Amino acid sequence: KTHEEYLRVLGKGDFDLVLKSIGEQLGLDGLVAYHLTFIGVSESVRGFVHHDTKGTGGSVYNVIIPLLLEEDVDPELILVDDKYEKKGGFKYSVGVASMMGDDAMHGTLECDYLNIRSKHFEDGKLGGMRLAATVYIADVNEQNVDAITTETLTQIFPLADEKWLMSQRGRHWRVEGG
């Protein structure tokens, strides 16, 4: 039920238009928003650089949608080019999503919002956080369904079930329309 409500909220925000644009620009066959979560951060002593997906043939993407951010803070996301060993920070902005695909090395930069006066508290209390919605989208097919279920389905729902994931392919956008 919660999964379907999350999808309804995305639909009200015209996420279908985002999926259409992504699908057309990347030449995909279809897209499904299949793994929906939230990320909340108030403190990170040491950043955790990782990749969300690998080995899916470039057909899975993690879309991060900032919902709540603190003001006057350093970039929140680190991006790593492992080929050239370069790193760079990315500053989130409400109203602007980021999208990462296969082997995109990234992570939360070190931060401490616990000792700042947050604009989100009326009485100026100390303590803040950032909150983002994450939406994993995929062009699911027979060649990548195993990698998608083993690499990205890490939460309670949906279960790592290839049959269920195949039944969802193209649910939210298809090249032939829909």
C-alpha atoms as a PDB file:
ATOM      1  CA  LYS A   1       0.000   0.000   0.000  1.00  0.00           C
ATOM      2  CA  THR A   2       2.792   2.458   0.901  1.00  0.00           C
ATOM      3  CA  HIS A   3       4.636   1.675  -2.330  1.00  0.00           C
ATOM      4  CA  GLU A   4       1.552   2.506  -4.385  1.00  0.00           C
ATOM      5  CA  GLU A   5       0.924   5.720  -2.412  1.00  0.00           C
ATOM      6  CA  TYR A   6       4.544   6.825  -3.029  1.00  0.00           C
ATOM      7  CA  LEU A   7       3.937   6.210  -6.751  1.00  0.00           C
ATOM      8  CA  ARG A   8       0.720   8.284  -6.624  1.00  0.00           C
ATOM      9  CA  VAL A   9       2.617  11.194  -5.062  1.00  0.00           C
ATOM     10  CA  LEU A  10       5.263  10.959  -7.788  1.00  0.00           C
ATOM     11  CA  GLY A  11       2.494  10.935 -10.383  1.00  0.00           C
ATOM     12  CA  LYS A  12       0.957  14.092  -8.916  1.00  0.00           C
ATOM     13  CA  GLY A  13       4.367  15.713  -9.315  1.00  0.00           C
ATOM     14  CA  ASP A  14       4.516  14.788 -13.022  1.00  0.00           C
ATOM     15  CA  PHE A  15       7.263  12.212 -12.529  1.00  0.00           C
ATOM     16  CA  ASP A  16       5.874  10.472 -15.626  1.00  0.00           C
ATOM     17  CA  LEU A  17       7.180  13.394 -17.699  1.00  0.00           C
ATOM     18  CA  VAL A  18      10.604  12.957 -16.116  1.00  0.00           C
ATOM     19  CA  LEU A  19      10.558   9.250 -16.974  1.00  0.00           C
ATOM     20  CA  LYS A  20       9.472   9.985 -20.552  1.00  0.00           C
ATOM     21  CA  SER A  21      12.348  12.432 -20.986  1.00  0.00           C
ATOM     22  CA  ILE A  22      14.897  10.022 -19.477  1.00  0.00           C
ATOM     23  CA  GLY A  23      13.637   7.104 -21.568  1.00  0.00           C
ATOM     24  CA  GLU A  24      13.678   9.064 -24.809  1.00  0.00           C
ATOM     25  CA  GLN A  25      17.066  10.702 -24.211  1.00  0.00           C
ATOM     26  CA  LEU A  26      18.729   7.418 -23.257  1.00  0.00           C
ATOM     27  CA  GLY A  27      17.009   5.317 -25.928  1.00  0.00           C
ATOM     28  CA  LEU A  28      15.400   2.932 -23.452  1.00  0.00           C
ATOM     29  CA  ASP A  29      12.488   0.567 -24.117  1.00  0.00           C
ATOM     30  CA  GLY A  30      10.540   1.178 -20.907  1.00  0.00           C
ATOM     31  CA  LEU A  31      10.890   2.356 -17.320  1.00  0.00           C
ATOM     32  CA  VAL A  32       9.490   1.324 -13.980  1.00  0.00           C
ATOM     33  CA  ALA A  33       9.941   3.147 -10.668  1.00  0.00           C
ATOM     34  CA  TYR A  34      10.406   0.001  -8.591  1.00  0.00           C
ATOM     35  CA  HIS A  35      12.396   0.789  -5.444  1.00  0.00           C
ATOM     36  CA  LEU A  36      11.257   3.782  -3.399  1.00  0.00           C
ATOM     37  CA  THR A  37      12.957   5.012  -0.237  1.00  0.00           C
ATOM     38  CA  PHE A  38      13.908   8.085   1.759  1.00  0.00           C
ATOM     39  CA  ILE A  39      17.345   9.192   2.966  1.00  0.00           C
ATOM     40  CA  GLY A  40      17.669  11.306   6.092  1.00  0.00           C
ATOM     41  CA  VAL A  41      21.026  12.638   7.307  1.00  0.00           C
ATOM     42  CA  SER A  42      21.791  14.710  10.385  1.00  0.00           C
ATOM     43  CA  GLU A  43      25.444  13.778  10.855  1.00  0.00           C
ATOM     44  CA  SER A  44      28.047  11.878   8.872  1.00  0.00           C
ATOM     45  CA  VAL A  45      31.472  11.592  10.468  1.00  0.00           C
ATOM     46  CA  ARG A  46      32.962   9.760   7.518  1.00  0.00           C
ATOM     47  CA  GLY A  47      31.488   9.704   4.059  1.00  0.00           C
ATOM     48  CA  PHE A  48      30.583   6.374   2.522  1.00  0.00           C
ATOM     49  CA  VAL A  49      31.511   6.222  -1.154  1.00  0.00           C
ATOM     50  CA  HIS A  50      29.727   3.432  -3.006  1.00  0.00           C
ATOM     51  CA  HIS A  51      27.814   2.581  -6.165  1.00  0.00           C
ATOM     52  CA  ASP A  52      24.126   1.763  -6.094  1.00  0.00           C
ATOM     53  CA  THR A  53      24.161  -0.443  -9.169  1.00  0.00           C
ATOM     54  CA  LYS A  54      26.619  -2.315 -11.335  1.00  0.00           C
ATOM     55  CA  GLY A  55      26.414  -4.789 -14.143  1.00  0.00           C
ATOM     56  CA  THR A  56      22.916  -3.892 -15.314  1.00  0.00           C
ATOM     57  CA  GLY A  57      23.916  -2.821 -18.800  1.00  0.00           C
ATOM     58  CA  GLY A  58      23.367   0.840 -18.027  1.00  0.00           C
ATOM     59  CA  SER A  59      19.655   0.397 -17.466  1.00  0.00           C
ATOM     60  CA  VAL A  60      19.192   1.234 -13.760  1.00  0.00           C
ATOM     61  CA  TYR A  61      19.278   4.725 -12.273  1.00  0.00           C
ATOM     62  CA  ASN A  62      18.893   6.153  -8.794  1.00  0.00           C
ATOM     63  CA  VAL A  63      17.022   9.459  -8.836  1.00  0.00           C
ATOM     64  CA  ILE A  64      17.572  11.536  -5.684  1.00  0.00           C
ATOM     65  CA  ILE A  65      14.961  14.228  -5.028  1.00  0.00           C
ATOM     66  CA  PRO A  66      15.920  16.656  -2.231  1.00  0.00           C
ATOM     67  CA  LEU A  67      12.954  17.498   0.002  1.00  0.00           C
ATOM     68  CA  LEU A  68      14.470  19.247   3.026  1.00  0.00           C
ATOM     69  CA  LEU A  69      17.871  20.958   3.095  1.00  0.00           C
ATOM     70  CA  GLU A  70      19.784  23.130   5.525  1.00  0.00           C
ATOM     71  CA  GLU A  71      21.022  26.555   4.442  1.00  0.00           C
ATOM     72  CA  ASP A  72      24.631  27.692   4.171  1.00  0.00           C
ATOM     73  CA  VAL A  73      26.189  24.229   4.291  1.00  0.00           C
ATOM     74  CA  ASP A  74      28.868  22.587   2.177  1.00  0.00           C
ATOM     75  CA  PRO A  75      27.999  20.265  -0.739  1.00  0.00           C
ATOM     76  CA  GLU A  76      26.230  17.142   0.455  1.00  0.00           C
ATOM     77  CA  LEU A  77      27.159  14.605  -2.215  1.00  0.00           C
ATOM     78  CA  ILE A  78      30.595  13.461  -3.314  1.00  0.00           C
ATOM     79  CA  LEU A  79      31.087  12.104  -6.822  1.00  0.00           C
ATOM     80  CA  VAL A  80      34.174  10.089  -7.683  1.00  0.00           C
ATOM     81  CA  ASP A  81      35.678   9.474 -11.107  1.00  0.00           C
ATOM     82  CA  ASP A  82      37.507   6.233 -10.444  1.00  0.00           C
ATOM     83  CA  LYS A  83      39.152   6.253 -13.877  1.00  0.00           C
ATOM     84  CA  TYR A  84      40.950   9.563 -13.316  1.00  0.00           C
ATOM     85  CA  GLU A  85      40.825   9.447  -9.492  1.00  0.00           C
ATOM     86  CA  LYS A  86      39.102  12.818  -9.237  1.00  0.00           C
ATOM     87  CA  LYS A  87      36.504  13.806  -6.661  1.00  0.00           C
ATOM     88  CA  GLY A  88      33.996  16.604  -6.583  1.00  0.00           C
ATOM     89  CA  GLY A  89      31.197  17.832  -4.375  1.00  0.00           C
ATOM     90  CA  PHE A  90      27.628  18.379  -5.501  1.00  0.00           C
ATOM     91  CA  LYS A  91      25.246  20.786  -3.780  1.00  0.00           C
ATOM     92  CA  TYR A  92      21.657  19.583  -3.624  1.00  0.00           C
ATOM     93  CA  SER A  93      18.859  22.020  -4.400  1.00  0.00           C
ATOM     94  CA  VAL A  94      15.159  21.555  -3.689  1.00  0.00           C
ATOM     95  CA  GLY A  95      13.404  21.280  -7.049  1.00  0.00           C
ATOM     96  CA  VAL A  96      16.443  19.736  -8.778  1.00  0.00           C
ATOM     97  CA  ALA A  97      16.942  15.964  -8.782  1.00  0.00           C
ATOM     98  CA  SER A  98      20.200  14.139  -9.436  1.00  0.00           C
ATOM     99  CA  MET A  99      20.457  10.828 -11.243  1.00  0.00           C
ATOM    100  CA  MET A 100      23.190   8.200 -11.080  1.00  0.00           C
ATOM    101  CA  GLY A 101      23.511   4.990 -13.041  1.00  0.00           C
ATOM    102  CA  ASP A 102      25.724   1.906 -13.202  1.00  0.00           C
ATOM    103  CA  ASP A 103      29.065   2.172 -11.435  1.00  0.00           C
ATOM    104  CA  ALA A 104      28.521   5.844 -10.483  1.00  0.00           C
ATOM    105  CA  MET A 105      30.708   6.185  -7.390  1.00  0.00           C
ATOM    106  CA  HIS A 106      29.140   8.627  -4.952  1.00  0.00           C
ATOM    107  CA  GLY A 107      28.387   9.115  -1.292  1.00  0.00           C
ATOM    108  CA  THR A 108      27.400  11.399   1.542  1.00  0.00           C
ATOM    109  CA  LEU A 109      30.024  13.977   2.372  1.00  0.00           C
ATOM    110  CA  GLU A 110      30.964  14.505   5.990  1.00  0.00           C
ATOM    111  CA  CYS A 111      28.479  16.804   7.699  1.00  0.00           C
ATOM    112  CA  ASP A 112      27.154  17.833  11.090  1.00  0.00           C
ATOM    113  CA  TYR A 113      23.730  19.448  11.141  1.00  0.00           C
ATOM    114  CA  LEU A 114      23.239  18.690  14.828  1.00  0.00           C
ATOM    115  CA  ASN A 115      24.966  21.902  15.918  1.00  0.00           C
ATOM    116  CA  ILE A 116      23.365  24.384  13.556  1.00  0.00           C
ATOM    117  CA  ARG A 117      20.267  26.511  13.981  1.00  0.00           C
ATOM    118  CA  SER A 118      17.852  24.989  11.530  1.00  0.00           C
ATOM    119  CA  LYS A 119      15.348  27.091   9.607  1.00  0.00           C
ATOM    120  CA  HIS A 120      12.968  24.169  10.021  1.00  0.00           C
ATOM    121  CA  PHE A 121      12.459  24.864  13.751  1.00  0.00           C
ATOM    122  CA  GLU A 122      10.397  27.908  14.680  1.00  0.00           C
ATOM    123  CA  ASP A 123      12.126  28.453  18.013  1.00  0.00           C
ATOM    124  CA  GLY A 124      15.673  28.339  16.588  1.00  0.00           C
ATOM    125  CA  LYS A 125      16.585  25.068  18.250  1.00  0.00           C
ATOM    126  CA  LEU A 126      19.867  23.431  17.408  1.00  0.00           C
ATOM    127  CA  GLY A 127      19.716  20.427  15.153  1.00  0.00           C
ATOM    128  CA  GLY A 128      19.006  19.993  11.494  1.00  0.00           C
ATOM    129  CA  MET A 129      18.924  17.420   8.771  1.00  0.00           C
ATOM    130  CA  ARG A 130      18.483  16.841   5.093  1.00  0.00           C
ATOM    131  CA  LEU A 131      15.856  14.579   3.653  1.00  0.00           C
ATOM    132  CA  ALA A 132      15.576  13.210   0.125  1.00  0.00           C
ATOM    133  CA  ALA A 133      13.318  10.822  -1.713  1.00  0.00           C
ATOM    134  CA  THR A 134      15.115   8.167  -3.728  1.00  0.00           C
ATOM    135  CA  VAL A 135      13.519   6.499  -6.704  1.00  0.00           C
ATOM    136  CA  TYR A 136      15.233   3.620  -8.440  1.00  0.00           C
ATOM    137  CA  ILE A 137      14.102   3.367 -12.038  1.00  0.00           C
ATOM    138  CA  ALA A 138      14.993   0.643 -14.518  1.00  0.00           C
ATOM    139  CA  ASP A 139      14.559  -0.558 -18.067  1.00  0.00           C
ATOM    140  CA  VAL A 140      14.001  -4.158 -16.939  1.00  0.00           C
ATOM    141  CA  ASN A 141      14.681  -7.022 -19.336  1.00  0.00           C
ATOM    142  CA  GLU A 142      15.732 -10.678 -19.312  1.00  0.00           C
ATOM    143  CA  GLN A 143      19.423  -9.752 -19.490  1.00  0.00           C
ATOM    144  CA  ASN A 144      19.469  -7.491 -16.420  1.00  0.00           C
ATOM    145  CA  VAL A 145      16.698  -8.705 -14.105  1.00  0.00           C
ATOM    146  CA  ASP A 146      19.083 -10.873 -12.059  1.00  0.00           C
ATOM    147  CA  ALA A 147      21.575  -8.029 -11.545  1.00  0.00           C
ATOM    148  CA  ILE A 148      18.778  -5.624 -10.606  1.00  0.00           C
ATOM    149  CA  THR A 149      17.262  -7.937  -8.010  1.00  0.00           C
ATOM    150  CA  THR A 150      20.613  -8.843  -6.443  1.00  0.00           C
ATOM    151  CA  GLU A 151      22.198  -5.355  -6.555  1.00  0.00           C
ATOM    152  CA  THR A 152      19.370  -2.956  -5.770  1.00  0.00           C
ATOM    153  CA  LEU A 153      16.566  -4.675  -3.889  1.00  0.00           C
ATOM    154  CA  THR A 154      18.015  -4.260  -0.408  1.00  0.00           C
ATOM    155  CA  GLN A 155      14.967  -3.044   1.544  1.00  0.00           C
ATOM    156  CA  ILE A 156      11.962  -4.869   2.981  1.00  0.00           C
ATOM    157  CA  PHE A 157       9.898  -4.094  -0.128  1.00  0.00           C
ATOM    158  CA  PRO A 158      10.023  -5.013  -2.858  1.00  0.00           C
ATOM    159  CA  LEU A 159      11.516  -8.435  -2.291  1.00  0.00           C
ATOM    160  CA  ALA A 160      14.287  -9.634  -4.577  1.00  0.00           C
ATOM    161  CA  ASP A 161      11.804 -11.413  -6.818  1.00  0.00           C
ATOM    162  CA  GLU A 162      12.700 -11.590 -10.522  1.00  0.00           C
ATOM    163  CA  LYS A 163       9.187 -12.663 -11.518  1.00  0.00           C
ATOM    164  CA  TRP A 164       7.607  -9.644  -9.784  1.00  0.00           C
ATOM    165  CA  LEU A 165      10.186  -7.257 -11.271  1.00  0.00           C
ATOM    166  CA  MET A 166       9.639  -8.630 -14.801  1.00  0.00           C
ATOM    167  CA  SER A 167       5.881  -8.116 -14.351  1.00  0.00           C
ATOM    168  CA  GLN A 168       6.582  -4.438 -13.594  1.00  0.00           C
ATOM    169  CA  ARG A 169       8.761  -3.661 -16.628  1.00  0.00           C
ATOM    170  CA  GLY A 170       7.629  -0.636 -18.568  1.00  0.00           C
ATOM    171  CA  ARG A 171       4.892   0.080 -16.012  1.00  0.00           C
ATOM    172  CA  HIS A 172       5.526   3.822 -15.847  1.00  0.00           C
ATOM    173  CA  TRP A 173       6.787   4.607 -19.351  1.00  0.00           C
ATOM    174  CA  ARG A 174       7.134   2.691 -22.613  1.00  0.00           C
ATOM    175  CA  VAL A 175       8.741   3.762 -25.867  1.00  0.00           C
ATOM    176  CA  GLU A 176       5.595   2.760 -27.755  1.00  0.00           C
ATOM    177  CA  GLY A 177       3.537   4.961 -25.452  1.00  0.00           C
ATOM    178  CA  GLY A 178       2.047   4.582 -22.028  1.00  0.00           C
END
